[in-house]
Protein backbone atom coordinates (compact mmCIF):
# COMPACT_ATOMS: atom_id res chain seq x y z
CA MET A 1 33.84 64.99 42.99
CA GLU A 2 31.91 68.07 41.55
CA PHE A 3 31.04 70.52 44.23
CA ASP A 4 27.18 70.84 44.71
CA SER A 5 26.52 73.75 47.10
CA HIS A 6 23.01 72.65 47.58
CA SER A 7 24.22 69.49 49.43
CA TRP A 8 26.18 71.66 51.83
CA VAL A 9 25.17 74.27 54.41
CA THR A 10 26.76 77.66 55.08
CA SER A 11 27.76 78.92 58.44
CA LYS A 12 24.79 81.29 58.44
CA GLU A 13 22.44 78.53 57.89
CA ILE A 14 23.95 76.46 60.80
CA LEU A 15 23.52 79.30 63.09
CA LEU A 16 20.05 80.01 62.03
CA LYS A 17 18.99 76.21 62.25
CA THR A 18 20.79 75.10 65.38
CA GLY A 19 20.64 78.36 67.37
CA ILE A 20 24.44 78.23 68.37
CA SER A 21 26.55 81.34 68.17
CA ARG A 22 29.42 81.82 65.61
CA ALA A 23 31.91 81.67 68.56
CA THR A 24 30.52 78.30 69.52
CA LEU A 25 30.73 77.08 66.06
CA ASN A 26 34.39 78.34 65.82
CA ASN A 27 35.20 76.38 69.05
CA TYR A 28 33.77 73.24 67.73
CA ILE A 29 35.85 73.59 64.59
CA ARG A 30 39.09 74.24 66.83
CA MET A 31 38.20 71.22 68.88
CA GLY A 32 37.99 69.09 65.82
CA ILE A 33 34.43 67.88 66.40
CA VAL A 34 33.14 69.82 63.49
CA PRO A 35 35.09 70.00 60.07
CA ARG A 36 36.71 73.15 58.73
CA PRO A 37 34.51 74.74 56.03
CA LEU A 38 35.26 74.49 52.42
CA VAL A 39 35.50 78.10 50.85
CA GLN A 40 33.92 78.42 47.60
CA LYS A 41 32.11 81.05 45.48
CA PRO A 42 28.65 81.64 46.90
CA ARG A 43 25.44 80.33 45.42
CA SER A 44 23.79 82.42 42.79
CA ASP A 45 21.11 83.38 45.34
CA MET A 46 23.68 84.93 47.67
CA ARG A 47 24.97 88.45 47.00
CA GLY A 48 27.39 90.82 48.63
CA THR A 49 30.28 88.26 49.24
CA LYS A 50 32.87 86.70 46.82
CA LYS A 51 33.68 83.57 48.92
CA ILE A 52 31.76 81.71 51.52
CA GLY A 53 32.36 78.70 53.76
CA TYR A 54 30.38 75.53 53.31
CA PHE A 55 30.01 72.59 55.68
CA PRO A 56 28.82 69.09 54.95
CA GLY A 57 25.00 68.82 55.78
CA GLU A 58 25.89 66.22 58.44
CA VAL A 59 27.29 69.01 60.51
CA LEU A 60 23.69 69.82 61.67
CA GLY A 61 23.15 66.28 63.09
CA ARG A 62 26.57 66.47 64.75
CA ILE A 63 25.72 69.80 66.49
CA GLU A 64 22.42 68.21 67.63
CA LEU A 65 24.39 65.29 68.92
CA ILE A 66 26.70 67.79 70.89
CA ARG A 67 23.83 69.65 72.32
CA ARG A 68 22.11 66.21 73.50
CA LEU A 69 25.40 65.19 75.07
CA LYS A 70 25.75 68.41 76.92
CA GLN A 71 22.27 68.08 78.21
CA GLU A 72 23.04 64.63 79.51
CA GLY A 73 25.75 66.11 81.64
CA HIS A 74 28.73 65.27 79.67
CA THR A 75 31.78 67.64 79.75
CA MET A 76 33.20 69.20 76.51
CA ALA A 77 36.41 67.20 77.17
CA GLU A 78 34.31 63.95 77.27
CA ILE A 79 32.47 65.03 74.15
CA VAL A 80 35.67 65.75 72.25
CA GLU A 81 37.09 62.39 73.05
CA ARG A 82 34.05 60.59 71.97
CA LEU A 83 33.72 62.45 68.57
CA LYS A 84 37.16 63.35 67.49
CA ASP A 85 37.82 59.96 65.75
CA SER A 86 34.34 60.15 64.10
CA PRO A 87 35.04 62.26 61.12
CA LEU A 88 31.99 63.30 59.05
CA GLU A 89 31.58 62.16 55.61
CA GLU A 90 31.17 64.57 52.56
CA PRO A 91 27.93 64.61 50.86
CA GLY A 92 27.75 62.48 47.83
CA ASN A 93 30.31 59.94 49.20
CA GLN A 94 27.57 57.61 50.43
CA THR A 95 23.90 56.98 49.78
CA VAL A 96 22.94 56.12 53.36
CA ASP A 97 24.52 56.93 56.68
CA SER A 98 26.87 54.54 58.41
CA TRP A 99 24.33 53.79 61.16
CA THR A 100 21.82 52.74 58.51
CA MET A 101 24.31 50.31 56.75
CA GLU A 102 24.97 48.77 60.13
CA SER A 103 21.26 48.56 60.92
CA ALA A 104 20.62 46.87 57.65
CA HIS A 105 23.42 44.32 57.52
CA GLY A 106 24.03 43.62 61.22
CA PRO A 107 27.08 44.65 63.44
CA SER A 108 30.45 45.37 61.92
CA PRO A 109 33.07 42.78 63.11
CA ASP A 110 35.14 45.74 64.24
CA HIS A 111 32.52 47.06 66.53
CA GLY A 112 30.97 45.69 69.82
CA GLY A 113 27.65 46.57 71.41
CA VAL A 114 24.27 46.44 70.20
CA ARG A 115 23.22 47.09 66.54
CA LEU A 116 19.54 47.22 65.33
CA THR A 117 18.76 45.10 62.29
CA LEU A 118 15.89 46.63 60.23
CA GLU A 119 15.56 43.91 57.48
CA GLY A 120 13.37 41.67 59.48
CA ILE A 121 10.48 44.09 59.48
CA GLU A 122 7.70 42.66 57.64
CA ASP A 123 5.38 45.63 57.56
CA PRO A 124 5.94 48.88 55.57
CA ALA A 125 8.68 50.78 57.33
CA TYR A 126 11.24 53.51 56.91
CA LEU A 127 13.84 55.40 58.99
CA VAL A 128 13.94 59.04 58.91
CA ASN A 129 16.88 61.03 60.25
CA PHE A 130 16.62 64.30 61.95
CA HIS A 131 17.09 66.13 58.69
CA PHE A 132 13.91 64.46 57.74
CA GLN A 133 15.69 62.54 55.01
CA VAL A 134 14.73 58.84 54.46
CA ALA A 135 17.86 56.99 55.48
CA TRP A 136 16.35 53.43 55.03
CA VAL A 137 13.22 52.10 53.46
CA ASN A 138 11.94 48.62 52.76
CA GLU A 139 10.05 47.45 49.71
CA LYS A 140 6.84 47.13 51.48
CA ALA A 141 6.91 50.94 52.23
CA GLU A 142 7.85 51.62 48.65
CA GLU A 143 4.88 49.81 47.47
CA LYS A 144 2.21 50.43 49.94
CA ILE A 145 3.20 54.01 51.23
CA PHE A 146 5.14 55.86 48.62
CA GLY A 147 3.80 54.17 45.47
CA TYR A 148 7.29 54.11 43.82
CA ARG A 149 10.93 53.12 44.38
CA VAL A 150 12.28 55.74 46.76
CA SER A 151 15.53 54.03 46.84
CA ASN A 152 16.25 54.94 43.32
CA GLU A 153 16.91 58.49 44.72
CA LYS A 154 20.69 57.74 45.43
CA ARG A 155 21.49 60.99 47.08
CA ILE A 156 20.09 61.24 50.54
CA ASP A 157 19.37 65.02 50.32
CA GLN A 158 16.88 64.21 47.47
CA ARG A 159 15.13 61.75 49.86
CA ASN A 160 13.76 64.40 52.16
CA ILE A 161 10.48 63.03 53.32
CA PHE A 162 8.44 66.08 52.41
CA ARG A 163 9.97 66.27 48.93
CA LEU A 164 8.99 62.41 48.49
CA PHE A 165 5.44 63.33 49.56
CA PHE A 166 5.22 65.91 46.80
CA HIS A 167 6.21 63.47 44.14
CA TRP A 168 3.41 62.98 41.59
CA ARG A 169 3.57 59.24 41.99
CA PHE A 170 2.65 59.63 45.62
CA HIS A 171 -0.22 61.87 44.98
CA SER A 172 -1.55 59.54 42.35
CA HIS A 173 -1.32 56.64 44.76
CA VAL A 174 -2.90 58.30 48.01
CA LYS A 175 -5.82 60.87 47.63
CA ASN A 176 -5.44 62.24 51.26
CA TRP A 177 -1.71 62.73 50.98
CA ARG A 178 -2.01 66.03 53.00
CA ASP A 179 -2.89 63.96 56.02
CA LEU A 180 0.32 62.14 55.75
CA VAL A 181 2.29 65.26 55.43
CA GLY A 182 0.63 66.82 58.30
CA PHE A 183 1.46 63.70 60.45
CA HIS A 184 5.23 64.06 59.73
CA MET A 185 4.98 67.83 60.27
CA ALA A 186 3.89 67.13 63.78
CA PHE A 187 7.41 65.70 64.28
CA ALA A 188 9.27 68.38 62.26
CA LYS A 189 7.75 71.05 64.58
CA LEU A 190 9.99 69.66 67.30
CA LYS A 191 13.04 70.67 65.40
CA TYR A 192 12.36 73.28 62.80
CA ALA A 193 10.91 76.83 62.84
CA ARG A 194 8.26 77.76 60.42
CA SER A 195 10.55 79.95 58.29
CA TRP A 196 12.75 76.87 57.60
CA MET A 197 9.90 75.36 55.69
CA GLU A 198 11.00 77.57 52.71
CA LYS A 199 14.31 75.74 52.43
CA ILE A 200 13.89 72.29 54.04
CA TYR A 201 14.99 70.54 50.97
CA PRO A 202 16.92 71.74 47.74
CA GLY A 203 14.70 72.89 45.02
CA ILE A 204 11.47 73.41 47.06
CA SER A 205 9.09 75.39 45.13
CA PRO A 206 7.10 78.27 46.50
CA SER A 207 3.76 76.51 46.36
CA GLU A 208 5.23 73.35 48.20
CA ALA A 209 6.81 75.73 50.85
CA GLU A 210 3.21 77.28 51.05
CA VAL A 211 1.59 73.97 51.92
CA LEU A 212 4.26 73.07 54.40
CA GLN A 213 3.90 76.38 56.25
CA GLU A 214 0.09 76.06 56.15
CA LEU A 215 0.27 72.58 57.71
CA TYR A 216 2.83 73.80 60.16
CA ASP A 217 0.30 76.38 61.36
CA HIS A 218 -2.33 73.84 61.82
CA VAL A 219 -0.74 70.82 63.40
CA GLU A 220 0.28 70.34 67.03
CA SER A 221 3.70 68.96 67.50
CA PHE A 222 3.88 65.48 69.17
CA ARG A 223 5.75 65.22 72.53
CA ARG A 224 8.96 63.34 72.14
CA ARG A 225 8.76 59.80 73.58
CA THR A 226 10.32 56.55 72.98
CA ILE A 227 7.28 55.10 71.23
CA LEU A 228 4.28 56.59 69.60
CA ALA A 229 1.30 55.05 67.90
CA ARG A 230 -1.45 56.58 65.81
CA VAL A 231 -4.20 55.18 63.59
CA MET A 232 -3.96 56.47 60.01
CA ASN A 233 -6.42 55.88 57.14
CA PHE A 234 -5.22 56.08 53.44
CA LEU A 235 -7.73 56.94 50.88
CA MET A 236 -6.53 55.16 47.79
CA GLU A 237 -6.99 56.33 44.27
CA ASP A 238 -9.16 53.29 43.39
CA GLY A 239 -11.69 54.42 46.13
CA SER A 240 -10.68 51.87 48.67
CA THR A 241 -9.43 52.73 52.26
CA GLU A 242 -6.37 51.14 53.86
CA THR A 243 -5.95 51.51 57.64
CA TYR A 244 -2.74 51.28 59.58
CA MET A 245 -1.56 51.59 63.10
CA VAL A 246 1.54 53.74 62.66
CA HIS A 247 4.31 52.95 65.34
CA VAL A 248 7.11 55.67 65.54
CA LEU A 249 10.14 54.57 67.52
CA PHE A 250 12.56 57.29 68.41
CA PHE A 251 16.48 56.73 68.35
CA LYS A 252 19.25 58.99 68.71
CA GLU A 253 19.79 58.58 64.91
CA GLY A 254 16.17 59.40 63.84
CA MET A 255 12.70 57.98 63.84
CA LEU A 256 11.50 54.57 62.61
CA PHE A 257 8.02 54.54 61.21
CA ILE A 258 6.22 51.08 60.98
CA TYR A 259 2.79 50.81 59.48
CA GLN A 260 0.89 47.97 60.93
CA PRO A 261 -2.10 46.90 58.79
CA GLU A 262 -5.58 46.89 60.27
CA GLY A 263 -6.42 43.47 61.65
CA LEU A 264 -2.83 42.66 62.67
CA THR A 265 -2.70 45.18 65.44
CA GLY A 266 -1.82 43.45 68.70
CA ARG A 267 -1.02 40.07 67.07
CA ARG A 268 2.17 40.73 65.10
CA SER A 269 5.53 41.24 66.76
CA PHE A 270 8.25 43.30 65.18
CA ASP A 271 11.19 41.14 64.34
CA PHE A 272 14.31 43.37 64.74
């Protein structure tokens, strides 16, 4: 596999984004719950060093999981026991994460417990992980929300939700697209600092970063809860208005957005 540094994160980026210390990161590596870095030449925008260590982007989610388990009262020994046999995949080896695949196709015969099945959702819906990448999307959402086939973006780092909202096909589909970006920014503020908007996805342009930072300054973050619901109006390019009750369900793997059309609120159950 050709190495693409933009699909990976450096140790400096990990420390900046997660707030952990370098010593803590090194401890996680020694414990075997975070993979050892791949040492490569630095990206062209990095100067002053000949070699730098890169980690799979999934390391950020792993560190967030460790933090959450510690908050729940688990000891490091318990966390290591739980995670040591769950190696991280390298970017590019899969198009969606393992939880999404189990969610879409049902439980694996080798695993017990409960699995969430997403394919039964009739309304437009998509799952966003905590890197704000679309890990799963149904055809209704591609048609009604995004206006194009998001699933054609095979690499998950290309499916950052904000990157998708800047796609010209989405802009030509929904006139008040900034409202939808701001709605998702209210969730991003729970995790990201304003400065991270400049590099929230590979290839972000200065004008896109400026829009995200402006919205970051003007929206209030939502309080994290199990379920959240908000009414949202879409001003369509043809002059019509489509109204949805947007339900957001929080899971440890990410957030599930379901767009229930006006007139069905309170009458349709979600078939998971």
